[in-house]
N, C-alpha and C. Protein backbone atom coordinates (compact mmCIF):
# COMPACT_ATOMS: atom_id res chain seq x y z
N MET A 1 -33.80 76.82 294.60
CA MET A 1 -32.40 76.38 294.41
C MET A 1 -31.33 75.77 293.73
N THR A 2 -30.46 76.46 292.83
CA THR A 2 -29.64 75.67 291.96
C THR A 2 -29.74 74.28 291.55
N SER A 3 -29.64 73.87 290.35
CA SER A 3 -29.52 72.87 290.30
C SER A 3 -28.37 72.06 290.08
N VAL A 4 -27.52 71.40 290.42
CA VAL A 4 -26.09 70.81 290.18
C VAL A 4 -25.57 70.85 289.28
N ARG A 5 -26.58 70.58 288.03
CA ARG A 5 -26.15 71.01 286.79
C ARG A 5 -25.71 72.66 286.02
N GLU A 6 -25.84 73.78 287.15
CA GLU A 6 -25.81 74.35 287.05
C GLU A 6 -24.67 75.26 287.47
N ARG A 7 -23.78 74.12 288.23
CA ARG A 7 -22.65 74.57 288.16
C ARG A 7 -21.29 73.69 288.00
N ALA A 8 -20.08 74.85 287.76
CA ALA A 8 -18.79 73.99 287.31
C ALA A 8 -17.62 74.62 287.74
N ALA A 9 -16.67 73.70 288.46
CA ALA A 9 -15.81 74.80 289.07
C ALA A 9 -15.82 75.58 290.02
N ASP A 10 -16.87 75.29 291.01
CA ASP A 10 -17.56 76.59 291.86
C ASP A 10 -17.88 77.55 291.50
N VAL A 11 -18.15 77.16 290.28
CA VAL A 11 -18.89 78.93 289.56
C VAL A 11 -20.24 78.06 289.08
N VAL A 12 -21.19 79.10 289.59
CA VAL A 12 -22.82 78.71 289.74
C VAL A 12 -23.30 79.69 288.57
N VAL A 13 -24.21 79.22 288.01
CA VAL A 13 -24.98 80.14 286.78
C VAL A 13 -25.89 81.09 287.63
N PRO A 14 -26.36 82.22 287.63
CA PRO A 14 -27.14 82.87 288.33
C PRO A 14 -28.53 82.61 288.12
N ASP A 15 -28.79 82.06 289.79
CA ASP A 15 -30.48 81.42 289.15
C ASP A 15 -31.77 83.04 289.44
N THR A 16 -31.36 83.06 288.23
CA THR A 16 -32.89 84.48 288.09
C THR A 16 -33.35 84.33 287.17
N LYS A 17 -34.63 84.76 286.97
CA LYS A 17 -35.86 84.68 285.64
C LYS A 17 -34.91 85.24 284.50
N VAL A 18 -34.48 85.93 284.94
CA VAL A 18 -33.50 86.73 283.35
C VAL A 18 -32.28 85.58 282.66
N ALA A 19 -32.19 84.76 283.75
CA ALA A 19 -30.58 84.03 283.77
C ALA A 19 -31.71 82.44 282.82
N ARG A 20 -32.16 82.25 283.65
CA ARG A 20 -33.10 80.85 283.13
C ARG A 20 -34.02 81.04 282.26
N GLU A 21 -34.40 82.37 281.82
CA GLU A 21 -35.00 81.95 280.45
C GLU A 21 -33.68 82.94 279.44
N ALA A 22 -33.32 83.16 279.17
CA ALA A 22 -32.08 83.38 278.55
C ALA A 22 -31.45 81.61 278.06
N THR A 23 -31.23 80.90 279.15
CA THR A 23 -31.07 79.55 278.91
C THR A 23 -31.67 78.55 277.97
N GLU A 24 -33.11 79.06 278.30
CA GLU A 24 -34.14 78.65 277.69
C GLU A 24 -34.22 78.82 276.13
N LEU A 25 -33.80 80.28 276.14
CA LEU A 25 -34.01 80.43 274.46
C LEU A 25 -32.63 80.29 273.46
N ILE A 26 -31.89 80.13 274.48
CA ILE A 26 -30.86 79.74 273.38
C ILE A 26 -30.91 78.53 273.37
N ARG A 27 -31.15 77.54 274.29
CA ARG A 27 -30.90 76.77 274.33
C ARG A 27 -32.06 76.12 272.80
N ASP A 28 -33.25 77.11 272.81
CA ASP A 28 -34.11 76.34 271.78
C ASP A 28 -33.97 76.84 270.44
N THR A 29 -33.09 77.65 270.05
CA THR A 29 -32.72 79.00 269.04
C THR A 29 -31.64 78.71 268.72
N THR A 30 -30.79 78.16 269.09
CA THR A 30 -29.47 77.79 268.91
C THR A 30 -28.84 76.31 268.22
N SER A 31 -27.79 76.05 267.82
CA SER A 31 -27.27 74.90 268.37
C SER A 31 -26.58 74.05 269.13
N GLU A 32 -27.09 72.99 269.27
CA GLU A 32 -26.15 72.57 271.12
C GLU A 32 -24.56 72.78 270.49
N LEU A 33 -24.06 73.27 269.45
CA LEU A 33 -23.04 73.33 269.78
C LEU A 33 -22.62 74.54 270.04
N ILE A 34 -23.14 75.53 269.80
CA ILE A 34 -23.64 77.29 270.04
C ILE A 34 -23.79 77.13 271.62
N TYR A 35 -24.75 76.17 271.96
CA TYR A 35 -25.14 76.39 273.65
C TYR A 35 -24.24 75.89 274.54
N HIS A 36 -23.17 75.22 274.14
CA HIS A 36 -22.55 74.30 275.26
C HIS A 36 -20.77 75.55 274.86
N HIS A 37 -20.82 75.80 273.74
CA HIS A 37 -19.85 76.90 273.85
C HIS A 37 -19.92 77.88 275.07
N SER A 38 -21.34 78.87 274.47
CA SER A 38 -21.91 79.55 275.39
C SER A 38 -21.43 79.68 276.93
N ARG A 39 -21.95 78.58 277.43
CA ARG A 39 -21.98 78.11 278.67
C ARG A 39 -20.65 78.16 279.06
N ARG A 40 -19.68 77.53 277.82
CA ARG A 40 -18.29 77.66 278.59
C ARG A 40 -17.82 79.04 278.93
N VAL A 41 -18.14 79.96 277.96
CA VAL A 41 -17.68 80.86 277.72
C VAL A 41 -18.10 81.41 279.36
N TYR A 42 -19.24 81.23 279.88
CA TYR A 42 -19.90 82.26 281.20
C TYR A 42 -18.67 81.63 282.15
N PHE A 43 -18.35 80.41 282.22
CA PHE A 43 -17.47 79.34 283.51
C PHE A 43 -16.41 80.07 283.00
N PHE A 44 -15.34 79.85 282.09
CA PHE A 44 -14.19 80.31 281.52
C PHE A 44 -13.92 81.72 282.05
N GLY A 45 -14.91 82.48 281.55
CA GLY A 45 -14.87 83.91 282.09
C GLY A 45 -15.27 84.59 283.60
N ALA A 46 -16.10 83.86 283.95
CA ALA A 46 -16.22 83.61 285.62
C ALA A 46 -15.06 83.25 286.12
N LEU A 47 -14.49 82.45 286.16
CA LEU A 47 -13.11 82.08 287.02
C LEU A 47 -12.41 83.25 286.42
N GLN A 48 -12.14 84.12 285.59
CA GLN A 48 -10.89 84.37 284.98
C GLN A 48 -11.23 86.07 285.60
N GLY A 49 -12.16 85.74 285.70
CA GLY A 49 -12.96 87.16 286.61
C GLY A 49 -12.23 86.78 287.99
N ARG A 50 -12.62 86.03 288.79
CA ARG A 50 -11.95 85.87 290.41
C ARG A 50 -10.44 85.90 290.28
N SER A 51 -9.69 85.29 289.58
CA SER A 51 -8.20 85.20 289.25
C SER A 51 -8.05 86.87 289.58
N ARG A 52 -8.68 87.92 288.64
CA ARG A 52 -7.95 88.88 288.59
C ARG A 52 -8.80 89.73 289.34
N ASP A 53 -9.55 89.37 290.48
CA ASP A 53 -9.86 90.32 291.51
C ASP A 53 -10.89 91.43 290.78
N LEU A 54 -11.44 90.77 289.57
CA LEU A 54 -12.64 91.31 289.05
C LEU A 54 -14.18 91.44 290.17
N SER A 55 -14.47 92.84 290.03
CA SER A 55 -16.30 92.82 290.93
C SER A 55 -16.82 93.13 289.59
N PHE A 56 -17.69 91.85 289.23
CA PHE A 56 -18.69 91.78 288.02
C PHE A 56 -19.92 90.98 288.59
N ASP A 57 -21.08 91.47 287.57
CA ASP A 57 -22.53 90.73 287.57
C ASP A 57 -22.14 89.74 287.35
N PRO A 58 -22.86 88.69 287.58
CA PRO A 58 -22.61 87.19 286.91
C PRO A 58 -23.43 87.37 286.05
N GLU A 59 -25.09 87.78 287.03
CA GLU A 59 -26.57 87.61 285.30
C GLU A 59 -25.74 88.77 284.26
N LEU A 60 -25.51 89.86 284.01
CA LEU A 60 -25.06 90.38 283.22
C LEU A 60 -23.79 89.73 282.22
N LEU A 61 -22.70 88.91 282.47
CA LEU A 61 -21.74 88.40 282.16
C LEU A 61 -22.58 87.37 281.76
N TYR A 62 -23.30 86.20 282.11
CA TYR A 62 -24.31 84.71 281.48
C TYR A 62 -24.98 85.23 280.52
N VAL A 63 -25.35 86.68 280.57
CA VAL A 63 -26.59 86.56 279.23
C VAL A 63 -25.51 87.13 278.04
N GLY A 64 -24.40 87.87 278.61
CA GLY A 64 -23.49 88.01 277.53
C GLY A 64 -22.81 86.97 276.89
N ALA A 65 -22.62 86.15 277.96
CA ALA A 65 -22.16 84.77 277.24
C ALA A 65 -22.72 83.97 276.16
N MET A 66 -24.04 84.19 276.51
CA MET A 66 -25.10 83.45 276.25
C MET A 66 -26.03 83.84 274.75
N PHE A 67 -25.62 84.97 274.83
CA PHE A 67 -26.36 85.74 273.09
C PHE A 67 -25.03 86.41 272.54
N HIS A 68 -23.98 85.77 273.20
CA HIS A 68 -22.66 86.55 272.41
C HIS A 68 -22.20 85.69 270.56
N ASP A 69 -22.71 85.00 270.12
CA ASP A 69 -23.19 84.14 268.89
C ASP A 69 -24.48 83.87 268.47
N VAL A 70 -25.59 84.56 268.86
CA VAL A 70 -26.35 84.66 268.53
C VAL A 70 -26.41 84.72 266.98
N GLY A 71 -26.11 85.90 266.62
CA GLY A 71 -25.88 86.36 265.19
C GLY A 71 -25.03 85.84 264.01
N LEU A 72 -24.79 84.65 264.37
CA LEU A 72 -24.34 83.89 263.46
C LEU A 72 -25.33 83.38 263.08
N GLY A 73 -26.31 82.84 263.30
CA GLY A 73 -27.68 82.03 263.17
C GLY A 73 -28.21 83.01 261.90
N GLU A 74 -28.61 81.66 261.13
CA GLU A 74 -29.15 81.63 259.80
C GLU A 74 -30.18 82.94 259.48
N GLU A 75 -30.84 83.24 260.52
CA GLU A 75 -32.11 84.37 260.39
C GLU A 75 -31.11 86.25 260.64
N PHE A 76 -29.95 86.10 260.74
CA PHE A 76 -29.14 87.27 260.46
C PHE A 76 -28.41 87.24 259.00
N HIS A 77 -28.64 86.17 258.40
CA HIS A 77 -27.51 86.14 257.15
C HIS A 77 -27.51 87.41 256.26
N GLY A 78 -28.94 87.79 256.31
CA GLY A 78 -29.21 88.74 255.82
C GLY A 78 -28.81 89.90 256.00
N SER A 79 -28.84 90.43 256.87
CA SER A 79 -28.73 91.37 258.11
C SER A 79 -28.08 92.63 257.55
N GLY A 80 -26.95 91.94 256.64
CA GLY A 80 -25.77 93.56 256.31
C GLY A 80 -25.17 93.85 257.80
N ARG A 81 -24.88 93.40 258.85
CA ARG A 81 -24.49 93.72 259.73
C ARG A 81 -23.78 92.75 260.41
N ARG A 82 -22.59 92.90 260.92
CA ARG A 82 -21.48 92.21 261.50
C ARG A 82 -22.43 91.52 262.56
N PHE A 83 -22.11 90.34 262.82
CA PHE A 83 -22.49 89.24 263.29
C PHE A 83 -22.60 89.58 264.80
N GLU A 84 -21.60 90.12 265.35
CA GLU A 84 -22.13 90.59 266.77
C GLU A 84 -22.65 92.01 266.96
N VAL A 85 -22.59 92.49 266.00
CA VAL A 85 -23.92 93.53 266.45
C VAL A 85 -25.08 93.05 266.06
N ASP A 86 -25.28 91.88 265.56
CA ASP A 86 -26.66 91.13 265.39
C ASP A 86 -26.96 90.17 266.71
N GLY A 87 -26.04 89.92 267.34
CA GLY A 87 -26.19 89.31 268.73
C GLY A 87 -26.41 90.42 270.07
N ALA A 88 -25.63 91.48 269.80
CA ALA A 88 -25.27 92.53 270.91
C ALA A 88 -27.44 93.17 270.58
N GLU A 89 -27.88 92.88 269.82
CA GLU A 89 -29.42 93.65 269.26
C GLU A 89 -30.08 92.87 269.86
N GLU A 90 -29.62 91.15 269.35
CA GLU A 90 -30.95 90.54 269.83
C GLU A 90 -31.04 90.43 272.07
N ALA A 91 -29.68 90.49 272.51
CA ALA A 91 -29.48 90.73 274.04
C ALA A 91 -30.49 91.40 274.25
N LYS A 92 -29.98 93.02 273.42
CA LYS A 92 -30.67 94.05 274.07
C LYS A 92 -32.12 94.21 273.85
N ARG A 93 -32.58 93.27 273.12
CA ARG A 93 -34.41 93.72 273.45
C ARG A 93 -35.01 92.52 274.51
N PHE A 94 -33.54 91.45 274.41
CA PHE A 94 -33.74 90.62 275.54
C PHE A 94 -34.47 91.16 276.87
N LEU A 95 -33.37 91.92 277.47
CA LEU A 95 -32.99 92.66 278.57
C LEU A 95 -33.88 93.94 278.47
N ARG A 96 -34.17 94.50 277.41
CA ARG A 96 -35.29 95.68 277.65
C ARG A 96 -36.40 94.76 277.93
N ALA A 97 -36.76 93.72 277.48
CA ALA A 97 -38.24 92.92 277.51
C ALA A 97 -38.33 92.62 278.97
N HIS A 98 -37.08 92.57 279.84
CA HIS A 98 -37.15 91.87 281.15
C HIS A 98 -37.06 93.42 282.14
N GLY A 99 -37.06 94.44 281.29
CA GLY A 99 -36.78 95.61 282.21
C GLY A 99 -35.65 95.88 283.09
N VAL A 100 -34.43 95.44 282.78
CA VAL A 100 -33.02 95.66 282.91
C VAL A 100 -32.42 96.70 282.83
N PRO A 101 -31.98 97.51 283.91
CA PRO A 101 -31.74 98.81 283.84
C PRO A 101 -30.98 99.10 282.11
N GLU A 102 -31.05 100.46 281.77
CA GLU A 102 -29.93 100.83 280.50
C GLU A 102 -28.79 101.45 280.81
N ASP A 103 -28.31 101.19 282.12
CA ASP A 103 -26.43 100.66 282.02
C ASP A 103 -26.16 99.48 281.90
N SER A 104 -27.18 98.40 282.30
CA SER A 104 -26.84 97.01 282.29
C SER A 104 -26.96 96.50 281.16
N VAL A 105 -27.83 96.69 280.11
CA VAL A 105 -27.94 96.84 278.77
C VAL A 105 -26.87 97.05 277.95
N ARG A 106 -26.54 98.19 277.97
CA ARG A 106 -25.55 98.68 277.56
C ARG A 106 -23.99 98.02 277.67
N ARG A 107 -23.79 97.38 278.71
CA ARG A 107 -22.64 96.93 279.04
C ARG A 107 -22.61 95.08 278.23
N VAL A 108 -24.01 94.94 278.52
CA VAL A 108 -23.83 93.74 277.72
C VAL A 108 -24.00 93.92 276.28
N TRP A 109 -24.90 95.11 275.66
CA TRP A 109 -24.46 95.17 274.52
C TRP A 109 -22.90 95.40 274.15
N THR A 110 -22.20 96.09 274.19
CA THR A 110 -20.67 95.88 274.54
C THR A 110 -20.04 94.85 274.27
N ALA A 111 -20.67 94.10 275.21
CA ALA A 111 -19.63 92.71 275.53
C ALA A 111 -19.60 92.28 274.25
N ILE A 112 -20.92 91.75 273.77
CA ILE A 112 -20.90 90.94 272.80
C ILE A 112 -20.50 91.79 271.37
N ALA A 113 -20.69 93.04 271.33
CA ALA A 113 -20.48 93.41 270.19
C ALA A 113 -18.51 93.31 269.68
N LEU A 114 -18.05 93.61 271.08
CA LEU A 114 -16.86 93.49 270.50
C LEU A 114 -15.84 92.47 271.19
N HIS A 115 -16.77 91.43 271.44
CA HIS A 115 -16.17 90.56 271.82
C HIS A 115 -15.04 89.51 270.81
N THR A 116 -14.76 90.01 269.27
CA THR A 116 -13.84 89.66 268.41
C THR A 116 -12.94 91.09 268.07
N THR A 117 -12.92 91.90 269.04
CA THR A 117 -11.86 92.73 268.77
C THR A 117 -11.09 93.25 270.02
N PRO A 118 -9.68 92.54 269.35
CA PRO A 118 -8.87 92.22 270.65
C PRO A 118 -7.73 93.38 271.25
N GLY A 119 -7.68 93.82 272.26
CA GLY A 119 -7.22 95.00 272.77
C GLY A 119 -8.10 95.89 273.84
N ILE A 120 -9.23 96.17 273.34
CA ILE A 120 -9.82 96.86 273.57
C ILE A 120 -10.95 96.95 275.20
N PRO A 121 -11.77 95.41 274.87
CA PRO A 121 -12.66 95.04 275.96
C PRO A 121 -11.89 94.82 277.45
N ALA A 122 -10.83 94.26 277.57
CA ALA A 122 -10.05 94.19 278.85
C ALA A 122 -10.23 95.56 279.47
N LEU A 123 -10.23 96.09 278.80
CA LEU A 123 -9.60 97.59 279.69
C LEU A 123 -10.81 98.60 279.97
N MET A 124 -12.24 97.40 279.58
CA MET A 124 -13.20 98.19 279.80
C MET A 124 -14.07 98.00 281.27
N GLU A 125 -15.84 97.75 281.14
CA GLU A 125 -16.46 97.57 282.47
C GLU A 125 -15.60 95.30 282.94
N PRO A 126 -15.93 95.15 283.64
CA PRO A 126 -15.56 93.36 283.97
C PRO A 126 -16.50 92.60 282.87
N GLU A 127 -17.77 92.57 283.29
CA GLU A 127 -18.63 92.35 282.08
C GLU A 127 -18.09 91.93 280.42
N VAL A 128 -17.72 93.16 279.89
CA VAL A 128 -16.95 93.16 278.79
C VAL A 128 -15.78 92.66 278.94
N ALA A 129 -14.57 92.80 279.72
CA ALA A 129 -13.46 92.13 279.58
C ALA A 129 -13.85 90.55 279.66
N LEU A 130 -15.07 90.37 280.62
CA LEU A 130 -14.79 88.77 280.87
C LEU A 130 -15.38 87.84 279.79
N VAL A 131 -16.34 88.83 279.07
CA VAL A 131 -17.35 87.70 278.24
C VAL A 131 -15.88 87.60 276.58
N THR A 132 -14.73 88.81 276.33
CA THR A 132 -14.13 88.88 275.52
C THR A 132 -12.90 87.47 276.10
N ALA A 133 -12.54 87.00 277.75
CA ALA A 133 -11.44 86.63 277.83
C ALA A 133 -12.55 85.34 277.81
N GLY A 134 -13.74 84.64 278.43
CA GLY A 134 -14.03 83.74 278.08
C GLY A 134 -14.11 82.77 276.95
N VAL A 135 -14.58 83.63 275.47
CA VAL A 135 -14.45 83.56 274.36
C VAL A 135 -12.91 83.08 274.01
N GLU A 136 -11.84 84.28 274.06
CA GLU A 136 -10.60 83.80 273.77
C GLU A 136 -9.81 82.67 274.23
N TYR A 137 -10.74 82.23 275.92
CA TYR A 137 -10.52 81.18 276.25
C TYR A 137 -10.83 79.79 275.33
N ASP A 138 -12.02 79.81 275.39
CA ASP A 138 -12.77 78.37 274.69
C ASP A 138 -11.93 78.49 273.05
N VAL A 139 -11.74 79.42 272.38
CA VAL A 139 -11.84 79.40 270.92
C VAL A 139 -10.21 79.38 270.89
N LEU A 140 -10.10 80.35 271.78
CA LEU A 140 -8.29 80.60 270.55
C LEU A 140 -7.33 79.94 271.79
N GLY A 141 -7.69 79.29 272.92
CA GLY A 141 -6.69 78.40 273.98
C GLY A 141 -5.93 79.52 274.66
N MET A 142 -6.53 81.50 275.09
CA MET A 142 -5.39 82.06 275.22
C MET A 142 -5.69 82.09 277.01
N GLY A 143 -5.01 81.79 277.50
CA GLY A 143 -4.22 81.61 279.02
C GLY A 143 -4.72 80.39 279.26
N TYR A 144 -4.41 79.28 278.74
CA TYR A 144 -4.73 78.19 278.93
C TYR A 144 -4.52 77.45 280.29
N GLU A 145 -2.72 77.84 280.23
CA GLU A 145 -2.97 77.23 282.09
C GLU A 145 -3.42 78.01 283.01
N ASP A 146 -4.09 78.98 282.99
CA ASP A 146 -4.26 80.23 283.89
C ASP A 146 -6.07 79.62 284.81
N ILE A 147 -6.11 78.54 284.13
CA ILE A 147 -7.34 77.92 284.57
C ILE A 147 -6.81 76.53 284.87
N SER A 148 -6.94 75.87 286.07
CA SER A 148 -6.55 75.00 286.63
C SER A 148 -7.17 73.39 285.60
N ALA A 149 -6.11 72.26 285.46
CA ALA A 149 -6.92 71.24 284.82
C ALA A 149 -8.07 70.73 285.40
N ALA A 150 -8.06 70.75 286.82
CA ALA A 150 -9.28 69.89 287.32
C ALA A 150 -10.46 71.19 287.06
N ASP A 151 -10.28 72.18 286.64
CA ASP A 151 -11.42 72.94 286.46
C ASP A 151 -11.77 73.29 284.93
N ARG A 152 -10.85 72.82 284.20
CA ARG A 152 -10.85 72.90 282.60
C ARG A 152 -12.02 71.42 282.62
N ALA A 153 -11.58 70.69 283.10
CA ALA A 153 -12.06 69.57 282.83
C ALA A 153 -13.43 69.04 283.70
N ALA A 154 -13.76 69.70 284.33
CA ALA A 154 -15.12 69.93 285.21
C ALA A 154 -16.45 70.77 284.56
N ILE A 155 -15.59 71.59 283.46
CA ILE A 155 -16.70 72.95 282.76
C ILE A 155 -16.83 71.83 281.44
N VAL A 156 -16.07 71.09 281.21
CA VAL A 156 -15.84 70.12 279.77
C VAL A 156 -16.49 69.12 279.76
N GLU A 157 -16.85 68.41 280.97
CA GLU A 157 -17.35 67.09 281.34
C GLU A 157 -19.45 67.59 281.36
N LEU A 158 -19.08 69.36 281.67
CA LEU A 158 -20.62 69.63 281.92
C LEU A 158 -20.92 70.09 280.34
N HIS A 159 -20.03 70.84 279.77
CA HIS A 159 -20.26 71.08 278.40
C HIS A 159 -19.45 70.83 277.42
N PRO A 160 -19.51 69.89 276.93
CA PRO A 160 -18.43 68.66 276.36
C PRO A 160 -17.99 69.54 274.44
N ARG A 161 -16.96 69.15 274.59
CA ARG A 161 -16.94 70.08 273.04
C ARG A 161 -15.68 69.35 271.72
N PRO A 162 -16.49 68.22 271.43
CA PRO A 162 -15.86 67.25 270.66
C PRO A 162 -15.91 67.75 268.98
N ASP A 163 -14.65 67.57 268.64
CA ASP A 163 -14.27 68.59 267.56
C ASP A 163 -14.48 69.70 267.58
N PHE A 164 -14.27 70.49 268.79
CA PHE A 164 -15.05 71.59 268.74
C PHE A 164 -14.48 72.47 267.41
N LYS A 165 -12.91 72.65 267.51
CA LYS A 165 -12.29 73.66 266.55
C LYS A 165 -12.46 73.44 265.23
N GLN A 166 -13.42 72.41 264.72
CA GLN A 166 -13.34 72.40 263.08
C GLN A 166 -14.92 72.81 262.66
N ARG A 167 -15.89 72.06 264.28
CA ARG A 167 -17.59 72.49 263.78
C ARG A 167 -17.09 74.27 264.00
N ILE A 168 -16.73 75.15 264.92
CA ILE A 168 -17.34 76.27 264.56
C ILE A 168 -16.79 76.93 263.71
N LEU A 169 -15.74 76.55 263.40
CA LEU A 169 -14.94 77.07 262.33
C LEU A 169 -15.52 76.69 261.32
N LYS A 170 -16.80 75.98 261.30
CA LYS A 170 -17.68 75.83 260.02
C LYS A 170 -18.90 76.75 260.21
N VAL A 171 -19.32 76.75 261.77
CA VAL A 171 -20.21 77.73 262.01
C VAL A 171 -19.77 79.12 261.55
N PHE A 172 -18.78 79.89 262.16
CA PHE A 172 -18.03 80.65 261.53
C PHE A 172 -18.33 80.92 260.25
N THR A 173 -18.12 79.98 259.57
CA THR A 173 -17.84 80.19 257.63
C THR A 173 -19.55 80.49 257.58
N ASP A 174 -20.21 79.58 257.95
CA ASP A 174 -21.56 79.94 257.25
C ASP A 174 -22.60 80.90 257.46
N GLY A 175 -22.31 81.37 259.39
CA GLY A 175 -22.49 82.36 259.47
C GLY A 175 -22.31 84.26 258.63
N ILE A 176 -21.14 84.16 258.22
CA ILE A 176 -20.77 85.35 257.83
C ILE A 176 -20.92 85.06 256.03
N ARG A 177 -20.24 83.74 255.41
CA ARG A 177 -20.04 84.27 254.48
C ARG A 177 -21.37 84.88 253.40
N PRO A 178 -22.87 84.87 253.82
CA PRO A 178 -23.49 85.30 253.08
C PRO A 178 -23.15 86.89 252.62
N LYS A 179 -22.39 87.66 253.96
CA LYS A 179 -22.25 88.76 254.03
C LYS A 179 -20.81 89.04 254.29
N PRO A 180 -19.34 88.94 253.43
CA PRO A 180 -18.48 89.00 253.69
C PRO A 180 -17.97 90.49 253.88
N GLU A 181 -18.81 91.48 253.19
CA GLU A 181 -18.52 92.54 253.62
C GLU A 181 -18.33 92.92 254.94
N THR A 182 -18.76 92.02 255.88
CA THR A 182 -18.74 92.57 257.18
C THR A 182 -17.61 92.36 257.87
N THR A 183 -16.87 91.59 256.81
CA THR A 183 -15.62 91.28 257.41
C THR A 183 -14.18 92.11 257.86
N PHE A 184 -14.71 93.30 256.74
CA PHE A 184 -13.43 93.78 256.74
C PHE A 184 -13.24 94.68 257.69
N GLY A 185 -11.61 94.27 258.31
CA GLY A 185 -11.11 95.02 259.17
C GLY A 185 -10.75 93.94 260.37
N ASN A 186 -11.53 92.83 260.47
CA ASN A 186 -11.82 92.10 261.96
C ASN A 186 -11.73 90.54 261.31
N VAL A 187 -11.69 89.87 262.54
CA VAL A 187 -10.30 88.64 262.69
C VAL A 187 -11.44 87.74 261.11
N LYS A 188 -12.59 87.72 260.79
CA LYS A 188 -13.82 86.66 260.92
C LYS A 188 -12.80 86.24 259.13
N ALA A 189 -12.08 87.89 258.68
CA ALA A 189 -11.68 87.78 257.49
C ALA A 189 -10.65 86.19 256.99
N ASP A 190 -9.88 86.09 258.14
CA ASP A 190 -9.29 84.60 258.33
C ASP A 190 -10.00 83.54 257.65
N VAL A 191 -11.28 84.07 258.38
CA VAL A 191 -12.33 82.59 258.39
C VAL A 191 -12.38 82.41 256.67
N LEU A 192 -12.73 83.47 256.04
CA LEU A 192 -13.06 83.34 254.72
C LEU A 192 -12.20 82.77 253.61
N GLU A 193 -10.99 83.63 254.41
CA GLU A 193 -10.07 83.87 253.71
C GLU A 193 -9.82 82.13 253.35
N HIS A 194 -9.82 81.23 254.63
CA HIS A 194 -9.43 79.94 254.57
C HIS A 194 -10.43 78.85 254.02
N TYR A 195 -11.93 79.15 253.99
CA TYR A 195 -12.94 78.15 253.97
C TYR A 195 -13.98 78.38 252.07
N VAL A 196 -14.05 79.87 251.86
CA VAL A 196 -14.63 80.44 251.02
C VAL A 196 -13.96 80.48 249.58
N PRO A 197 -13.85 79.46 248.68
CA PRO A 197 -13.00 79.81 247.67
C PRO A 197 -13.66 80.86 246.88
N GLY A 198 -12.60 81.86 246.31
CA GLY A 198 -12.36 83.30 245.93
C GLY A 198 -12.95 84.43 246.43
N PHE A 199 -12.87 84.02 247.93
CA PHE A 199 -13.24 85.20 248.89
C PHE A 199 -11.91 85.99 248.17
N GLU A 200 -12.22 87.06 248.53
CA GLU A 200 -10.88 88.80 248.84
C GLU A 200 -11.30 89.54 249.71
N ARG A 201 -10.33 89.73 250.54
CA ARG A 201 -10.20 90.22 251.90
C ARG A 201 -10.31 92.11 251.30
N GLY A 202 -10.37 92.75 252.13
CA GLY A 202 -11.08 94.25 251.97
C GLY A 202 -9.14 94.73 252.73
N ASP A 203 -8.33 95.23 252.21
CA ASP A 203 -7.44 95.99 251.84
C ASP A 203 -7.14 97.37 252.24
N PHE A 204 -6.89 97.80 253.89
CA PHE A 204 -7.25 99.01 254.31
C PHE A 204 -6.10 100.29 253.45
N VAL A 205 -5.25 99.78 253.18
CA VAL A 205 -4.07 100.89 252.55
C VAL A 205 -4.33 100.95 251.13
N ARG A 206 -5.02 100.18 250.35
CA ARG A 206 -5.99 100.01 249.38
C ARG A 206 -6.95 100.93 248.96
N THR A 207 -8.10 100.94 250.60
CA THR A 207 -9.61 101.74 250.49
C THR A 207 -8.20 102.81 250.29
N ILE A 208 -7.10 102.95 251.40
CA ILE A 208 -7.13 104.62 251.77
C ILE A 208 -6.77 105.34 250.06
N LEU A 209 -5.43 104.04 250.04
CA LEU A 209 -5.36 105.13 248.28
C LEU A 209 -5.64 105.26 246.99
N ASP A 210 -7.47 104.57 246.64
CA ASP A 210 -8.16 104.30 245.67
C ASP A 210 -9.28 105.50 246.12
N SER A 211 -9.04 106.15 247.37
CA SER A 211 -10.33 106.67 247.74
C SER A 211 -10.82 107.90 246.72
N PRO A 212 -11.57 108.34 247.17
CA PRO A 212 -11.72 109.85 245.93
C PRO A 212 -10.64 111.12 246.13
N TRP A 213 -10.00 111.29 247.15
CA TRP A 213 -9.68 112.21 247.65
C TRP A 213 -8.28 112.56 246.72
N ALA A 214 -8.06 113.42 246.49
CA ALA A 214 -7.13 113.77 245.12
C ALA A 214 -5.34 113.38 246.06
N GLU A 215 -5.70 113.74 246.89
CA GLU A 215 -3.53 113.32 247.89
C GLU A 215 -4.22 112.92 249.11
């Protein structure tokens, strides 16, 4: 039976082996901040899925939400890859180890890999769209009024967010500072520009003009 602590705003965490083990893994290997944020992403994403009348797989949405920031961890600082890809690869390994079908693995991988890429996930499968929607809601407050105050309060009561804005920005900074080249062309360049002295963001136009092509 699903515990009452696995429900908020009439959204239930899937009571499956995959979901339970994903919860244990993220709780044991990430910070409290990331754990609570990831759970809120699931709840907010699921609520938006309902309001948009999207048919989504709760288990896949849950795993995507739980793994979406795993790549910010210290063990990935030397990967040379975007943190979103590191998280997507970890989720892929986890799901394959549980015998999840490849199409489902692909959906979760894509949801995590694209969750900081505005304008594309919303046009893809529901699980991909809703991981991004949950992230954008919890981090950026996008569509804030689309979820009722009562539902927001229920989710935040279950998974609090004290000083979340400053704390998540620090996590972003610490996670991508060691590989600044991975911020080229994406929103995380803004983070390093604010918090890392001497950081110079890549310039797409300059890259074209300075390429070895004569014209």
